[in-house]
Amino acid sequence: MDVGLIAPCHVYCGSCALYKKIKCLGCVEESERAEARGKMFCDIYSCAKNKKLAVCSDCSNYPCEKYDKGIFAESFIKWIREKLKEA
């Protein structure tokens, strides 16, 4: 297991179909690249980074409302489905 592929929300990107098909670089890498372009990939990642937390469960507010907008959100599920359809 590559610990660098564990997202703050505890999802292991190494087992994700998008990562395996090289359609996503993993939550941490995608978030860092988005931030470099002035965008946001994942609100959960940004929050954990700002609080200097490796994982969300280390936060006193865990679980919080950000989970409604993060990897478990309907919009993220749609993004995954679209990526999987790409050739």
N, C-alpha and C. Protein backbone atom coordinates (compact mmCIF):
# COMPACT_ATOMS: atom_id res chain seq x y z
N MET A 1 0.84 -1.18 0.00
CA MET A 1 0.00 0.00 0.00
C MET A 1 0.88 1.24 0.00
N ASP A 2 0.55 2.18 -0.88
CA ASP A 2 1.27 3.44 -0.96
C ASP A 2 0.54 4.46 -0.08
N VAL A 3 1.12 4.82 1.07
CA VAL A 3 0.45 5.73 1.99
C VAL A 3 0.24 7.11 1.38
N GLY A 4 0.98 7.45 0.34
CA GLY A 4 0.82 8.71 -0.36
C GLY A 4 -0.49 8.78 -1.13
N LEU A 5 -1.16 7.64 -1.26
CA LEU A 5 -2.44 7.60 -1.97
C LEU A 5 -3.63 7.57 -1.04
N ILE A 6 -3.40 7.81 0.25
CA ILE A 6 -4.50 7.89 1.21
C ILE A 6 -4.92 9.35 1.31
N ALA A 7 -6.16 9.62 0.96
CA ALA A 7 -6.70 10.98 1.02
C ALA A 7 -7.07 11.31 2.47
N PRO A 8 -7.16 12.59 2.81
CA PRO A 8 -7.54 12.97 4.17
C PRO A 8 -8.87 12.37 4.63
N CYS A 9 -9.77 12.10 3.68
CA CYS A 9 -11.08 11.52 4.04
C CYS A 9 -10.99 10.01 4.24
N HIS A 10 -9.79 9.45 4.14
CA HIS A 10 -9.49 8.04 4.35
C HIS A 10 -9.73 7.16 3.12
N VAL A 11 -10.08 7.75 2.00
CA VAL A 11 -10.25 6.97 0.78
C VAL A 11 -8.85 6.61 0.28
N TYR A 12 -8.68 5.36 -0.13
CA TYR A 12 -7.40 4.91 -0.67
C TYR A 12 -7.48 4.97 -2.20
N CYS A 13 -6.84 5.95 -2.77
CA CYS A 13 -6.91 6.18 -4.22
C CYS A 13 -6.30 5.03 -5.02
N GLY A 14 -5.41 4.27 -4.43
CA GLY A 14 -4.78 3.16 -5.13
C GLY A 14 -5.75 2.06 -5.52
N SER A 15 -6.92 2.03 -4.90
CA SER A 15 -7.91 1.01 -5.26
C SER A 15 -9.03 1.58 -6.13
N CYS A 16 -8.93 2.83 -6.52
CA CYS A 16 -9.96 3.50 -7.32
C CYS A 16 -9.79 3.14 -8.80
N ALA A 17 -10.91 2.92 -9.48
CA ALA A 17 -10.89 2.59 -10.91
C ALA A 17 -10.26 3.71 -11.73
N LEU A 18 -10.51 4.96 -11.37
CA LEU A 18 -9.92 6.08 -12.11
C LEU A 18 -8.40 6.08 -11.99
N TYR A 19 -7.91 5.84 -10.80
CA TYR A 19 -6.47 5.82 -10.59
C TYR A 19 -5.84 4.65 -11.35
N LYS A 20 -6.46 3.51 -11.28
CA LYS A 20 -5.94 2.32 -11.95
C LYS A 20 -5.91 2.48 -13.47
N LYS A 21 -6.87 3.24 -14.00
CA LYS A 21 -6.93 3.47 -15.45
C LYS A 21 -6.15 4.72 -15.86
N ILE A 22 -5.42 5.30 -14.91
CA ILE A 22 -4.59 6.48 -15.12
C ILE A 22 -5.41 7.66 -15.65
N LYS A 23 -6.62 7.80 -15.14
CA LYS A 23 -7.48 8.93 -15.47
C LYS A 23 -7.51 9.95 -14.33
N CYS A 24 -6.90 9.60 -13.22
CA CYS A 24 -6.80 10.47 -12.05
C CYS A 24 -5.46 10.14 -11.38
N LEU A 25 -4.83 11.16 -10.84
CA LEU A 25 -3.53 10.98 -10.20
C LEU A 25 -3.64 10.72 -8.70
N GLY A 26 -4.86 10.66 -8.20
CA GLY A 26 -5.08 10.50 -6.77
C GLY A 26 -5.47 11.83 -6.17
N CYS A 27 -6.20 11.80 -5.09
CA CYS A 27 -6.75 13.01 -4.50
C CYS A 27 -5.70 14.04 -4.10
N VAL A 28 -4.63 13.59 -3.50
CA VAL A 28 -3.60 14.53 -3.05
C VAL A 28 -2.94 15.21 -4.25
N GLU A 29 -2.53 14.45 -5.24
CA GLU A 29 -1.87 15.01 -6.42
C GLU A 29 -2.82 15.89 -7.23
N GLU A 30 -4.05 15.44 -7.43
CA GLU A 30 -5.04 16.24 -8.17
C GLU A 30 -5.33 17.55 -7.43
N SER A 31 -5.42 17.48 -6.11
CA SER A 31 -5.68 18.68 -5.31
C SER A 31 -4.52 19.66 -5.39
N GLU A 32 -3.30 19.16 -5.29
CA GLU A 32 -2.12 20.03 -5.38
C GLU A 32 -2.03 20.70 -6.75
N ARG A 33 -2.29 19.95 -7.80
CA ARG A 33 -2.26 20.51 -9.16
C ARG A 33 -3.35 21.56 -9.35
N ALA A 34 -4.53 21.29 -8.84
CA ALA A 34 -5.63 22.26 -8.94
C ALA A 34 -5.29 23.54 -8.20
N GLU A 35 -4.75 23.41 -6.99
CA GLU A 35 -4.37 24.58 -6.21
C GLU A 35 -3.30 25.41 -6.91
N ALA A 36 -2.38 24.76 -7.60
CA ALA A 36 -1.34 25.47 -8.34
C ALA A 36 -1.94 26.32 -9.47
N ARG A 37 -3.12 25.90 -9.95
CA ARG A 37 -3.82 26.65 -11.00
C ARG A 37 -4.87 27.60 -10.42
N GLY A 38 -4.90 27.73 -9.09
CA GLY A 38 -5.86 28.60 -8.45
C GLY A 38 -7.26 28.03 -8.36
N LYS A 39 -7.38 26.71 -8.46
CA LYS A 39 -8.67 26.04 -8.40
C LYS A 39 -8.71 25.11 -7.21
N MET A 40 -9.88 24.52 -6.99
CA MET A 40 -10.00 23.56 -5.90
C MET A 40 -10.52 22.24 -6.45
N PHE A 41 -9.86 21.16 -6.11
CA PHE A 41 -10.28 19.82 -6.52
C PHE A 41 -11.18 19.21 -5.45
N CYS A 42 -10.77 19.37 -4.19
CA CYS A 42 -11.53 18.75 -3.10
C CYS A 42 -11.51 19.65 -1.87
N ASP A 43 -12.69 20.01 -1.42
CA ASP A 43 -12.84 20.86 -0.24
C ASP A 43 -12.30 20.17 1.01
N ILE A 44 -12.46 18.87 1.08
CA ILE A 44 -11.98 18.11 2.23
C ILE A 44 -10.46 18.17 2.31
N TYR A 45 -9.80 17.97 1.17
CA TYR A 45 -8.34 18.03 1.13
C TYR A 45 -7.85 19.42 1.56
N SER A 46 -8.47 20.46 1.00
CA SER A 46 -8.05 21.83 1.31
C SER A 46 -8.20 22.14 2.79
N CYS A 47 -9.30 21.69 3.37
CA CYS A 47 -9.53 21.92 4.80
C CYS A 47 -8.46 21.22 5.64
N ALA A 48 -8.21 19.96 5.33
CA ALA A 48 -7.20 19.20 6.10
C ALA A 48 -5.82 19.85 5.96
N LYS A 49 -5.50 20.28 4.77
CA LYS A 49 -4.20 20.92 4.53
C LYS A 49 -4.09 22.22 5.34
N ASN A 50 -5.16 23.03 5.31
CA ASN A 50 -5.14 24.29 6.06
C ASN A 50 -5.01 24.07 7.57
N LYS A 51 -5.57 22.97 8.05
CA LYS A 51 -5.49 22.65 9.48
C LYS A 51 -4.26 21.82 9.82
N LYS A 52 -3.45 21.55 8.79
CA LYS A 52 -2.22 20.75 8.94
C LYS A 52 -2.51 19.36 9.51
N LEU A 53 -3.56 18.73 8.97
CA LEU A 53 -3.96 17.39 9.39
C LEU A 53 -3.69 16.40 8.27
N ALA A 54 -3.19 15.24 8.61
CA ALA A 54 -2.98 14.19 7.61
C ALA A 54 -4.30 13.55 7.22
N VAL A 55 -5.16 13.36 8.22
CA VAL A 55 -6.47 12.75 7.99
C VAL A 55 -7.54 13.52 8.77
N CYS A 56 -8.74 13.51 8.23
CA CYS A 56 -9.84 14.27 8.84
C CYS A 56 -10.20 13.79 10.24
N SER A 57 -10.03 12.52 10.50
CA SER A 57 -10.44 12.01 11.81
C SER A 57 -9.60 12.59 12.95
N ASP A 58 -8.51 13.28 12.63
CA ASP A 58 -7.73 13.96 13.65
C ASP A 58 -8.34 15.31 14.04
N CYS A 59 -9.37 15.74 13.32
CA CYS A 59 -10.01 17.04 13.57
C CYS A 59 -11.09 16.90 14.63
N SER A 60 -11.23 17.92 15.47
CA SER A 60 -12.25 17.90 16.51
C SER A 60 -13.66 18.02 15.94
N ASN A 61 -13.80 18.45 14.70
CA ASN A 61 -15.11 18.60 14.06
C ASN A 61 -15.47 17.42 13.16
N TYR A 62 -14.70 16.36 13.19
CA TYR A 62 -14.94 15.19 12.32
C TYR A 62 -16.13 14.38 12.80
N PRO A 63 -16.97 13.90 11.90
CA PRO A 63 -17.10 14.28 10.50
C PRO A 63 -17.89 15.58 10.39
N CYS A 64 -17.58 16.37 9.39
CA CYS A 64 -18.23 17.67 9.25
C CYS A 64 -19.03 17.75 7.96
N GLU A 65 -19.60 18.90 7.72
CA GLU A 65 -20.45 19.11 6.54
C GLU A 65 -19.67 19.04 5.23
N LYS A 66 -18.37 19.13 5.26
CA LYS A 66 -17.58 19.05 4.03
C LYS A 66 -17.73 17.69 3.35
N TYR A 67 -18.06 16.68 4.11
CA TYR A 67 -18.27 15.36 3.52
C TYR A 67 -19.47 15.36 2.57
N ASP A 68 -20.40 16.29 2.76
CA ASP A 68 -21.54 16.39 1.85
C ASP A 68 -21.14 16.92 0.49
N LYS A 69 -19.98 17.60 0.42
CA LYS A 69 -19.52 18.20 -0.83
C LYS A 69 -18.28 17.50 -1.39
N GLY A 70 -17.70 16.61 -0.68
CA GLY A 70 -16.45 15.98 -1.09
C GLY A 70 -16.65 14.75 -1.96
N ILE A 71 -15.84 13.75 -1.74
CA ILE A 71 -15.84 12.55 -2.57
C ILE A 71 -17.17 11.81 -2.52
N PHE A 72 -17.96 12.05 -1.50
CA PHE A 72 -19.24 11.35 -1.37
C PHE A 72 -20.39 12.13 -1.98
N ALA A 73 -20.10 13.30 -2.53
CA ALA A 73 -21.13 14.15 -3.11
C ALA A 73 -21.56 13.63 -4.49
N GLU A 74 -22.78 13.93 -4.83
CA GLU A 74 -23.34 13.52 -6.12
C GLU A 74 -22.51 14.07 -7.28
N SER A 75 -22.04 15.31 -7.16
CA SER A 75 -21.25 15.91 -8.24
C SER A 75 -19.94 15.16 -8.47
N PHE A 76 -19.33 14.67 -7.39
CA PHE A 76 -18.09 13.92 -7.54
C PHE A 76 -18.34 12.56 -8.17
N ILE A 77 -19.45 11.94 -7.81
CA ILE A 77 -19.82 10.65 -8.42
C ILE A 77 -20.03 10.84 -9.92
N LYS A 78 -20.68 11.93 -10.32
CA LYS A 78 -20.88 12.22 -11.75
C LYS A 78 -19.53 12.40 -12.45
N TRP A 79 -18.61 13.10 -11.79
CA TRP A 79 -17.27 13.32 -12.37
C TRP A 79 -16.58 11.99 -12.59
N ILE A 80 -16.66 11.09 -11.63
CA ILE A 80 -16.04 9.78 -11.76
C ILE A 80 -16.65 9.02 -12.96
N ARG A 81 -17.96 9.03 -13.06
CA ARG A 81 -18.62 8.32 -14.17
C ARG A 81 -18.21 8.88 -15.52
N GLU A 82 -18.11 10.19 -15.62
CA GLU A 82 -17.68 10.82 -16.88
C GLU A 82 -16.25 10.43 -17.23
N LYS A 83 -15.38 10.45 -16.25
CA LYS A 83 -13.98 10.08 -16.47
C LYS A 83 -13.87 8.62 -16.93
N LEU A 84 -14.68 7.75 -16.36
CA LEU A 84 -14.62 6.34 -16.73
C LEU A 84 -15.14 6.11 -18.16
N LYS A 85 -16.00 6.98 -18.66
CA LYS A 85 -16.53 6.86 -20.03
C LYS A 85 -15.51 7.33 -21.07
N GLU A 86 -14.57 8.21 -20.67
CA GLU A 86 -13.58 8.74 -21.60
C GLU A 86 -12.72 7.62 -22.16
N ALA A 87 -12.39 7.77 -23.40
CA ALA A 87 -11.57 6.75 -24.07
C ALA A 87 -10.16 6.72 -23.56
